C-alpha atoms as a PDB file:
ATOM      1  CA  THR A   1     143.586 -59.648 179.119  1.00  0.00           C
ATOM      2  CA  VAL A   2     141.139 -58.883 181.876  1.00  0.00           C
ATOM      3  CA  GLU A   3     137.572 -57.621 181.568  1.00  0.00           C
ATOM      4  CA  LEU A   4     136.530 -54.995 184.105  1.00  0.00           C
ATOM      5  CA  THR A   5     133.302 -53.081 184.562  1.00  0.00           C
ATOM      6  CA  GLY A   6     133.062 -49.344 184.941  1.00  0.00           C
ATOM      7  CA  ARG A   7     131.338 -46.150 183.887  1.00  0.00           C
ATOM      8  CA  VAL A   8     131.986 -43.305 181.495  1.00  0.00           C
ATOM      9  CA  ALA A   9     132.952 -39.877 182.816  1.00  0.00           C
ATOM     10  CA  ALA A  10     133.508 -36.563 181.035  1.00  0.00           C
ATOM     11  CA  SER A  11     137.149 -35.579 180.573  1.00  0.00           C
ATOM     12  CA  LEU A  12     136.319 -32.034 181.747  1.00  0.00           C
ATOM     13  CA  THR A  13     133.356 -30.801 183.796  1.00  0.00           C
ATOM     14  CA  ALA A  14     132.645 -27.191 184.734  1.00  0.00           C
ATOM     15  CA  GLU A  15     129.717 -25.877 186.765  1.00  0.00           C
ATOM     16  CA  VAL A  16     128.739 -22.381 185.657  1.00  0.00           C
ATOM     17  CA  ARG A  17     128.123 -19.968 188.540  1.00  0.00           C
ATOM     18  CA  PRO A  18     127.749 -16.179 188.584  1.00  0.00           C
ATOM     19  CA  GLN A  19     130.527 -14.115 190.171  1.00  0.00           C
ATOM     20  CA  VAL A  20     128.251 -11.130 190.833  1.00  0.00           C
ATOM     21  CA  GLY A  21     124.641 -10.945 191.913  1.00  0.00           C
ATOM     22  CA  GLY A  22     121.682  -9.421 190.140  1.00  0.00           C
ATOM     23  CA  ILE A  23     118.664 -10.015 187.924  1.00  0.00           C
ATOM     24  CA  LEU A  24     119.244 -12.391 185.014  1.00  0.00           C
ATOM     25  CA  ARG A  25     118.291 -10.511 181.856  1.00  0.00           C
ATOM     26  CA  LYS A  26     118.875 -13.118 179.173  1.00  0.00           C
ATOM     27  CA  ARG A  27     120.017 -16.673 178.492  1.00  0.00           C
ATOM     28  CA  LEU A  28     122.071 -16.782 175.297  1.00  0.00           C
ATOM     29  CA  PHE A  29     122.613 -20.496 174.656  1.00  0.00           C
ATOM     30  CA  THR A  30     120.516 -23.466 173.550  1.00  0.00           C
ATOM     31  CA  GLU A  31     120.213 -26.232 176.112  1.00  0.00           C
ATOM     32  CA  GLY A  32     122.033 -29.386 175.018  1.00  0.00           C
ATOM     33  CA  ALA A  33     124.156 -27.525 172.446  1.00  0.00           C
ATOM     34  CA  ASP A  34     127.933 -27.307 172.123  1.00  0.00           C
ATOM     35  CA  VAL A  35     129.470 -24.085 173.446  1.00  0.00           C
ATOM     36  CA  LYS A  36     132.953 -22.612 173.076  1.00  0.00           C
ATOM     37  CA  GLU A  37     135.218 -21.399 175.855  1.00  0.00           C
ATOM     38  CA  GLY A  38     134.624 -17.670 176.422  1.00  0.00           C
ATOM     39  CA  GLU A  39     131.143 -17.697 174.855  1.00  0.00           C
ATOM     40  CA  VAL A  40     128.565 -15.551 176.672  1.00  0.00           C
ATOM     41  CA  LEU A  41     125.978 -17.806 178.332  1.00  0.00           C
ATOM     42  CA  TYR A  42     123.973 -15.395 180.509  1.00  0.00           C
ATOM     43  CA  GLU A  43     123.625 -11.632 180.915  1.00  0.00           C
ATOM     44  CA  ILE A  44     123.052 -10.122 184.371  1.00  0.00           C
ATOM     45  CA  ASP A  45     121.575  -6.619 184.595  1.00  0.00           C
ATOM     46  CA  PRO A  46     124.687  -4.384 184.368  1.00  0.00           C
ATOM     47  CA  ALA A  47     123.046  -1.075 185.392  1.00  0.00           C
ATOM     48  CA  PRO A  48     124.180  -0.964 189.060  1.00  0.00           C
ATOM     49  CA  TYR A  49     127.704  -2.131 188.146  1.00  0.00           C
ATOM     50  CA  GLN A  50     127.916   0.433 185.346  1.00  0.00           C
ATOM     51  CA  ALA A  51     127.015   3.174 187.830  1.00  0.00           C
ATOM     52  CA  VAL A  52     129.727   2.026 190.249  1.00  0.00           C
ATOM     53  CA  PHE A  53     132.223   1.921 187.370  1.00  0.00           C
ATOM     54  CA  ASN A  54     131.341   5.458 186.292  1.00  0.00           C
ATOM     55  CA  GLY A  55     131.724   6.704 189.886  1.00  0.00           C
ATOM     56  CA  ALA A  56     135.113   4.993 190.226  1.00  0.00           C
ATOM     57  CA  LYS A  57     136.251   6.523 186.944  1.00  0.00           C
ATOM     58  CA  ALA A  58     135.277   9.988 188.166  1.00  0.00           C
ATOM     59  CA  ALA A  59     137.123   9.364 191.447  1.00  0.00           C
ATOM     60  CA  VAL A  60     140.309   8.602 189.504  1.00  0.00           C
ATOM     61  CA  ALA A  61     139.988  11.849 187.522  1.00  0.00           C
ATOM     62  CA  LYS A  62     139.425  13.820 190.745  1.00  0.00           C
ATOM     63  CA  ALA A  63     142.434  12.221 192.457  1.00  0.00           C
ATOM     64  CA  GLU A  64     144.670  12.876 189.442  1.00  0.00           C
ATOM     65  CA  ALA A  65     143.563  16.516 189.355  1.00  0.00           C
ATOM     66  CA  ASN A  66     144.695  16.966 192.969  1.00  0.00           C
ATOM     67  CA  VAL A  67     148.190  15.694 192.275  1.00  0.00           C
ATOM     68  CA  GLU A  68     149.438  18.451 189.962  1.00  0.00           C
ATOM     69  CA  PRO A  69     148.981  21.500 192.256  1.00  0.00           C
ATOM     70  CA  LEU A  70     150.470  19.606 195.190  1.00  0.00           C
ATOM     71  CA  ARG A  71     153.435  18.554 193.044  1.00  0.00           C
ATOM     72  CA  LEU A  72     154.033  22.165 191.947  1.00  0.00           C
ATOM     73  CA  LYS A  73     153.785  23.354 195.544  1.00  0.00           C
ATOM     74  CA  ALA A  74     156.278  20.735 196.711  1.00  0.00           C
ATOM     75  CA  ASP A  75     158.690  21.734 193.903  1.00  0.00           C
ATOM     76  CA  ARG A  76     158.436  25.430 194.848  1.00  0.00           C
ATOM     77  CA  TYR A  77     159.028  24.636 198.507  1.00  0.00           C
ATOM     78  CA  ALA A  78     162.075  22.585 197.531  1.00  0.00           C
ATOM     79  CA  GLU A  79     163.560  25.618 195.747  1.00  0.00           C
ATOM     80  CA  LEU A  80     162.654  27.988 198.599  1.00  0.00           C
ATOM     81  CA  LEU A  81     164.196  25.625 201.103  1.00  0.00           C
ATOM     82  CA  GLN A  82     167.569  26.095 199.415  1.00  0.00           C
ATOM     83  CA  SER A  83     167.424  29.833 200.235  1.00  0.00           C
ATOM     84  CA  GLU A  84     165.846  29.136 203.619  1.00  0.00           C
ATOM     85  CA  ALA A  85     162.739  31.093 202.587  1.00  0.00           C
ATOM     86  CA  VAL A  86     160.566  28.336 204.077  1.00  0.00           C
ATOM     87  CA  SER A  87     161.133  26.028 206.978  1.00  0.00           C
ATOM     88  CA  LYS A  88     162.095  22.404 206.504  1.00  0.00           C
ATOM     89  CA  GLN A  89     158.848  21.425 208.220  1.00  0.00           C
ATOM     90  CA  ASP A  90     156.787  23.305 205.607  1.00  0.00           C
ATOM     91  CA  PHE A  91     158.650  21.542 202.814  1.00  0.00           C
ATOM     92  CA  GLU A  92     158.147  18.127 204.422  1.00  0.00           C
ATOM     93  CA  ASP A  93     154.425  18.829 204.860  1.00  0.00           C
ATOM     94  CA  ALA A  94     154.100  19.806 201.174  1.00  0.00           C
ATOM     95  CA  ASP A  95     156.067  16.765 200.020  1.00  0.00           C
ATOM     96  CA  ALA A  96     153.955  14.454 202.217  1.00  0.00           C
ATOM     97  CA  ALA A  97     150.761  15.950 200.761  1.00  0.00           C
ATOM     98  CA  ARG A  98     152.092  15.271 197.244  1.00  0.00           C
ATOM     99  CA  LYS A  99     152.866  11.645 198.101  1.00  0.00           C
ATOM    100  CA  LEU A 100     149.443  11.224 199.729  1.00  0.00           C
ATOM    101  CA  ALA A 101     147.749  12.552 196.582  1.00  0.00           C
ATOM    102  CA  ILE A 102     149.687  10.054 194.442  1.00  0.00           C
ATOM    103  CA  ALA A 103     148.664   7.219 196.776  1.00  0.00           C
ATOM    104  CA  GLU A 104     145.044   8.320 196.515  1.00  0.00           C
ATOM    105  CA  VAL A 105     145.322   8.085 192.715  1.00  0.00           C
ATOM    106  CA  ASP A 106     146.608   4.514 193.021  1.00  0.00           C
ATOM    107  CA  ALA A 107     143.765   3.614 195.406  1.00  0.00           C
ATOM    108  CA  ALA A 108     141.206   5.171 193.070  1.00  0.00           C
ATOM    109  CA  LYS A 109     142.628   3.201 190.124  1.00  0.00           C
ATOM    110  CA  ALA A 110     142.402  -0.022 192.128  1.00  0.00           C
ATOM    111  CA  SER A 111     138.736   0.703 192.883  1.00  0.00           C
ATOM    112  CA  LEU A 112     138.173   1.439 189.196  1.00  0.00           C
ATOM    113  CA  GLU A 113     139.732  -1.900 188.235  1.00  0.00           C
ATOM    114  CA  THR A 114     137.501  -3.724 190.722  1.00  0.00           C
ATOM    115  CA  ALA A 115     134.449  -1.959 189.309  1.00  0.00           C
ATOM    116  CA  ARG A 116     135.533  -2.865 185.755  1.00  0.00           C
ATOM    117  CA  ILE A 117     135.961  -6.543 186.674  1.00  0.00           C
ATOM    118  CA  ASN A 118     132.533  -6.674 188.348  1.00  0.00           C
ATOM    119  CA  LEU A 119     130.986  -5.024 185.289  1.00  0.00           C
ATOM    120  CA  GLU A 120     132.569  -7.672 183.042  1.00  0.00           C
ATOM    121  CA  TYR A 121     131.272 -10.408 185.352  1.00  0.00           C
ATOM    122  CA  THR A 122     127.707  -9.403 184.442  1.00  0.00           C
ATOM    123  CA  LYS A 123     128.375 -11.445 181.294  1.00  0.00           C
ATOM    124  CA  VAL A 124     128.668 -15.055 182.447  1.00  0.00           C
ATOM    125  CA  LEU A 125     131.129 -16.813 180.124  1.00  0.00           C
ATOM    126  CA  ALA A 126     131.687 -20.495 179.371  1.00  0.00           C
ATOM    127  CA  PRO A 127     134.816 -21.595 181.292  1.00  0.00           C
ATOM    128  CA  ILE A 128     135.471 -24.551 178.940  1.00  0.00           C
ATOM    129  CA  SER A 129     134.350 -25.818 175.545  1.00  0.00           C
ATOM    130  CA  GLY A 130     131.899 -28.699 175.581  1.00  0.00           C
ATOM    131  CA  ARG A 131     128.244 -29.675 175.679  1.00  0.00           C
ATOM    132  CA  ILE A 132     126.054 -27.672 178.023  1.00  0.00           C
ATOM    133  CA  GLY A 133     123.100 -29.194 179.837  1.00  0.00           C
ATOM    134  CA  ARG A 134     119.807 -27.705 180.904  1.00  0.00           C
ATOM    135  CA  SER A 135     119.623 -24.280 182.511  1.00  0.00           C
ATOM    136  CA  ALA A 136     118.654 -24.204 186.188  1.00  0.00           C
ATOM    137  CA  VAL A 137     117.314 -20.625 185.941  1.00  0.00           C
ATOM    138  CA  THR A 138     115.170 -18.597 183.575  1.00  0.00           C
ATOM    139  CA  ASP A 139     115.163 -14.969 182.482  1.00  0.00           C
ATOM    140  CA  GLY A 140     114.236 -12.659 185.343  1.00  0.00           C
ATOM    141  CA  ALA A 141     115.641 -14.887 188.082  1.00  0.00           C
ATOM    142  CA  LEU A 142     117.689 -13.394 190.903  1.00  0.00           C
ATOM    143  CA  VAL A 143     121.173 -14.884 191.106  1.00  0.00           C
ATOM    144  CA  THR A 144     123.872 -14.350 193.721  1.00  0.00           C
ATOM    145  CA  ALA A 145     127.644 -14.403 193.540  1.00  0.00           C
ATOM    146  CA  ASN A 146     129.150 -17.903 193.887  1.00  0.00           C
ATOM    147  CA  GLN A 147     125.766 -19.421 194.673  1.00  0.00           C
ATOM    148  CA  GLN A 148     125.593 -23.088 195.645  1.00  0.00           C
ATOM    149  CA  VAL A 149     123.335 -24.178 192.771  1.00  0.00           C
ATOM    150  CA  PRO A 150     125.072 -23.876 189.360  1.00  0.00           C
ATOM    151  CA  LEU A 151     123.310 -22.095 186.521  1.00  0.00           C
ATOM    152  CA  ALA A 152     124.290 -24.907 184.137  1.00  0.00           C
ATOM    153  CA  THR A 153     126.953 -27.590 183.699  1.00  0.00           C
ATOM    154  CA  ILE A 154     129.336 -27.984 180.757  1.00  0.00           C
ATOM    155  CA  GLN A 155     130.991 -31.329 180.000  1.00  0.00           C
ATOM    156  CA  LYS A 156     133.736 -32.087 177.512  1.00  0.00           C
ATOM    157  CA  LEU A 157     132.840 -35.479 176.030  1.00  0.00           C
ATOM    158  CA  ASP A 158     135.596 -35.935 173.441  1.00  0.00           C
ATOM    159  CA  PRO A 159     137.780 -37.546 174.630  1.00  0.00           C
ATOM    160  CA  ALA A 160     135.974 -39.372 177.442  1.00  0.00           C
ATOM    161  CA  PHE A 161     137.222 -41.159 180.553  1.00  0.00           C
ATOM    162  CA  VAL A 162     136.209 -44.691 181.450  1.00  0.00           C
ATOM    163  CA  ASP A 163     136.810 -45.498 185.120  1.00  0.00           C
ATOM    164  CA  VAL A 164     136.913 -49.219 185.913  1.00  0.00           C
ATOM    165  CA  THR A 165     137.714 -51.027 189.145  1.00  0.00           C
ATOM    166  CA  GLN A 166     140.062 -53.939 189.724  1.00  0.00           C
ATOM    167  CA  SER A 167     140.365 -55.906 192.955  1.00  0.00           C
ATOM    168  CA  SER A 168     143.548 -55.340 194.919  1.00  0.00           C
ATOM    169  CA  SER A 169     144.224 -59.100 194.961  1.00  0.00           C
ATOM    170  CA  GLU A 170     144.152 -59.231 191.146  1.00  0.00           C
ATOM    171  CA  MET A 171     146.525 -56.270 190.971  1.00  0.00           C
ATOM    172  CA  LEU A 172     148.958 -57.978 193.365  1.00  0.00           C
ATOM    173  CA  ARG A 173     148.804 -61.163 191.271  1.00  0.00           C
ATOM    174  CA  LEU A 174     149.585 -59.206 188.122  1.00  0.00           C
ATOM    175  CA  ARG A 175     152.593 -57.547 189.739  1.00  0.00           C
ATOM    176  CA  ARG A 176     153.952 -60.902 190.932  1.00  0.00           C
ATOM    177  CA  GLU A 177     153.650 -62.388 187.443  1.00  0.00           C
ATOM    178  CA  LEU A 178     155.349 -59.378 185.871  1.00  0.00           C
ATOM    179  CA  GLU A 179     158.188 -59.472 188.411  1.00  0.00           C
ATOM    180  CA  SER A 180     158.675 -63.244 187.989  1.00  0.00           C
ATOM    181  CA  GLY A 181     158.826 -62.972 184.201  1.00  0.00           C
ATOM    182  CA  LEU A 182     155.731 -65.100 183.603  1.00  0.00           C
ATOM    183  CA  LEU A 183     154.186 -62.029 181.961  1.00  0.00           C
ATOM    184  CA  SER A 184     155.914 -59.210 180.107  1.00  0.00           C
ATOM    185  CA  ARG A 185     154.474 -55.777 179.466  1.00  0.00           C
ATOM    186  CA  GLY A 186     155.165 -53.918 176.262  1.00  0.00           C
ATOM    187  CA  LYS A 187     156.437 -50.375 176.095  1.00  0.00           C
ATOM    188  CA  GLY A 188     154.054 -47.433 176.127  1.00  0.00           C
ATOM    189  CA  GLU A 189     150.523 -47.160 177.459  1.00  0.00           C
ATOM    190  CA  ALA A 190     148.380 -50.270 177.904  1.00  0.00           C
ATOM    191  CA  LYS A 191     145.725 -50.687 175.206  1.00  0.00           C
ATOM    192  CA  VAL A 192     142.079 -51.014 176.187  1.00  0.00           C
ATOM    193  CA  GLU A 193     139.049 -52.152 174.200  1.00  0.00           C
ATOM    194  CA  LEU A 194     135.523 -51.301 175.179  1.00  0.00           C
ATOM    195  CA  LEU A 195     132.271 -53.273 175.183  1.00  0.00           C
ATOM    196  CA  LEU A 196     129.091 -51.210 175.387  1.00  0.00           C
ATOM    197  CA  ASP A 197     126.075 -52.014 177.529  1.00  0.00           C
ATOM    198  CA  ASP A 198     124.289 -53.714 174.610  1.00  0.00           C
ATOM    199  CA  GLY A 199     127.238 -56.065 174.026  1.00  0.00           C
ATOM    200  CA  SER A 200     128.586 -54.308 170.926  1.00  0.00           C
ATOM    201  CA  LYS A 201     132.262 -53.444 170.585  1.00  0.00           C
ATOM    202  CA  TYR A 202     133.234 -49.783 170.641  1.00  0.00           C
ATOM    203  CA  ALA A 203     135.006 -48.796 167.432  1.00  0.00           C
ATOM    204  CA  HIS A 204     137.864 -46.785 168.958  1.00  0.00           C
ATOM    205  CA  PRO A 205     140.488 -48.385 171.234  1.00  0.00           C
ATOM    206  CA  GLY A 206     141.642 -46.463 174.268  1.00  0.00           C
ATOM    207  CA  THR A 207     144.659 -46.290 176.556  1.00  0.00           C
ATOM    208  CA  MET A 208     145.036 -46.725 180.291  1.00  0.00           C
ATOM    209  CA  LYS A 209     146.252 -43.450 181.795  1.00  0.00           C
ATOM    210  CA  PHE A 210     146.824 -44.314 185.448  1.00  0.00           C
ATOM    211  CA  SER A 211     145.627 -46.260 188.464  1.00  0.00           C
ATOM    212  CA  GLU A 212     144.701 -44.722 191.793  1.00  0.00           C
ATOM    213  CA  ALA A 213     147.364 -44.829 194.494  1.00  0.00           C
ATOM    214  CA  PHE A 214     144.947 -46.156 197.121  1.00  0.00           C
ATOM    215  CA  VAL A 215     142.516 -49.021 197.641  1.00  0.00           C
ATOM    216  CA  ASP A 216     138.864 -48.273 198.316  1.00  0.00           C
ATOM    217  CA  PRO A 217     138.345 -49.794 201.798  1.00  0.00           C
ATOM    218  CA  GLY A 218     134.653 -50.341 201.131  1.00  0.00           C
ATOM    219  CA  ILE A 219     135.037 -52.695 198.155  1.00  0.00           C
ATOM    220  CA  GLY A 220     138.757 -53.534 198.249  1.00  0.00           C
ATOM    221  CA  SER A 221     139.448 -52.364 194.708  1.00  0.00           C
ATOM    222  CA  VAL A 222     141.563 -49.867 192.805  1.00  0.00           C
ATOM    223  CA  THR A 223     140.183 -47.480 190.181  1.00  0.00           C
ATOM    224  CA  LEU A 224     141.844 -47.492 186.752  1.00  0.00           C
ATOM    225  CA  ARG A 225     141.267 -44.485 184.489  1.00  0.00           C
ATOM    226  CA  ASN A 226     141.228 -45.031 180.710  1.00  0.00           C
ATOM    227  CA  LEU A 227     140.978 -42.463 177.933  1.00  0.00           C
ATOM    228  CA  PHE A 228     138.891 -43.052 174.789  1.00  0.00           C
ATOM    229  CA  PRO A 229     138.319 -40.866 171.733  1.00  0.00           C
ATOM    230  CA  ASN A 230     134.635 -40.042 171.413  1.00  0.00           C
ATOM    231  CA  PRO A 231     134.146 -38.188 168.100  1.00  0.00           C
ATOM    232  CA  LYS A 232     130.503 -39.251 167.625  1.00  0.00           C
ATOM    233  CA  LEU A 233     129.665 -38.712 171.330  1.00  0.00           C
ATOM    234  CA  ILE A 234     128.489 -42.314 171.721  1.00  0.00           C
ATOM    235  CA  LEU A 235     130.006 -42.486 175.201  1.00  0.00           C
ATOM    236  CA  LEU A 236     127.934 -40.440 177.640  1.00  0.00           C
ATOM    237  CA  PRO A 237     128.747 -39.741 181.309  1.00  0.00           C
ATOM    238  CA  GLY A 238     127.322 -42.406 183.612  1.00  0.00           C
ATOM    239  CA  MET A 239     127.050 -45.072 180.896  1.00  0.00           C
ATOM    240  CA  PHE A 240     127.836 -48.619 182.059  1.00  0.00           C
ATOM    241  CA  VAL A 241     130.596 -50.318 180.029  1.00  0.00           C
ATOM    242  CA  ARG A 242     133.036 -53.214 180.165  1.00  0.00           C
ATOM    243  CA  ALA A 243     136.692 -52.643 179.378  1.00  0.00           C
ATOM    244  CA  ALA A 244     139.100 -55.351 178.186  1.00  0.00           C
ATOM    245  CA  LEU A 245     142.597 -54.397 179.343  1.00  0.00           C
ATOM    246  CA  THR A 246     145.725 -56.004 177.930  1.00  0.00           C
ATOM    247  CA  GLU A 247     147.731 -56.557 181.110  1.00  0.00           C
ATOM    248  CA  GLY A 248     150.695 -58.426 179.653  1.00  0.00           C
ATOM    249  CA  THR A 249     152.007 -61.059 177.259  1.00  0.00           C
ATOM    250  CA  VAL A 250     153.072 -64.659 177.926  1.00  0.00           C
ATOM    251  CA  GLU A 251     156.167 -64.778 175.707  1.00  0.00           C
ATOM    252  CA  GLN A 252     156.575 -68.601 175.840  1.00  0.00           C
ATOM    253  CA  GLY A 253     152.850 -69.371 175.840  1.00  0.00           C
ATOM    254  CA  ILE A 254     151.179 -71.701 173.335  1.00  0.00           C
ATOM    255  CA  LEU A 255     147.792 -70.652 171.979  1.00  0.00           C
ATOM    256  CA  VAL A 256     145.377 -73.545 171.452  1.00  0.00           C
ATOM    257  CA  PRO A 257     141.647 -73.645 170.643  1.00  0.00           C
ATOM    258  CA  GLN A 258     139.544 -73.761 173.778  1.00  0.00           C
ATOM    259  CA  ARG A 259     137.533 -76.769 172.548  1.00  0.00           C
ATOM    260  CA  VAL A 260     140.601 -79.030 172.670  1.00  0.00           C
ATOM    261  CA  VAL A 261     141.259 -78.257 176.347  1.00  0.00           C
ATOM    262  CA  THR A 262     139.607 -80.572 178.885  1.00  0.00           C
ATOM    263  CA  ARG A 263     139.854 -80.945 182.647  1.00  0.00           C
ATOM    264  CA  THR A 264     140.994 -83.930 184.608  1.00  0.00           C
ATOM    265  CA  PRO A 265     138.588 -85.508 187.144  1.00  0.00           C
ATOM    266  CA  ASP A 266     140.322 -83.663 189.979  1.00  0.00           C
ATOM    267  CA  GLY A 267     139.702 -80.296 188.270  1.00  0.00           C
ATOM    268  CA  ARG A 268     143.137 -79.573 186.747  1.00  0.00           C
END
């Protein structure tokens, strides 16, 4: 086993930002509470977006009303063209007007859909389930679409990640011992036990999920990510912990009490 230091991180983190601008009418959650995905967190004044939606809806009705007479005219011209009562140019003009009216209906429907989406965005929803932090704004504040400062942050704490670092030299040593057969690694994910900052042992064992594919040039170490169940939310993001990783097993090793082991004068 090897004991490595690291910190706790949320398994999911989402920063809540508005997708439309306007005056914030109401905050609908309690700071520090658990929220569900899709739950309404804030309400932005919908009045201007409702007006745009109503106008787009009327534009669709107007465009659809223009289609029918132009379709009937094109059909009549098609029949008259058979008897050469109208010119081919007149028929083509009528048919083009019909197609243009249909295209205008499609464009009006697209504008209506955009207006509907913007109207729905006046209700700011929770993108994930988790625990929400403090609100950065209050009722009556002016917010803008995709603003830099999030309205709030949601973190999923169960399960939780524990990111620890291991020196690249230690990782190379471990690989050499595994390849030489000195150590053997069992099947499945490596088990990890956790020691909290106060020295107590965390009740739930975790598993190592993966190691980064690069070495941090600043400290010469690799980050290992471990996953721990966190039903009582004892592990909080940023908490300092120590993780004991089971790296491998010495199959032919002999386990003796440490007190019976002594060193020779030359340090062996």
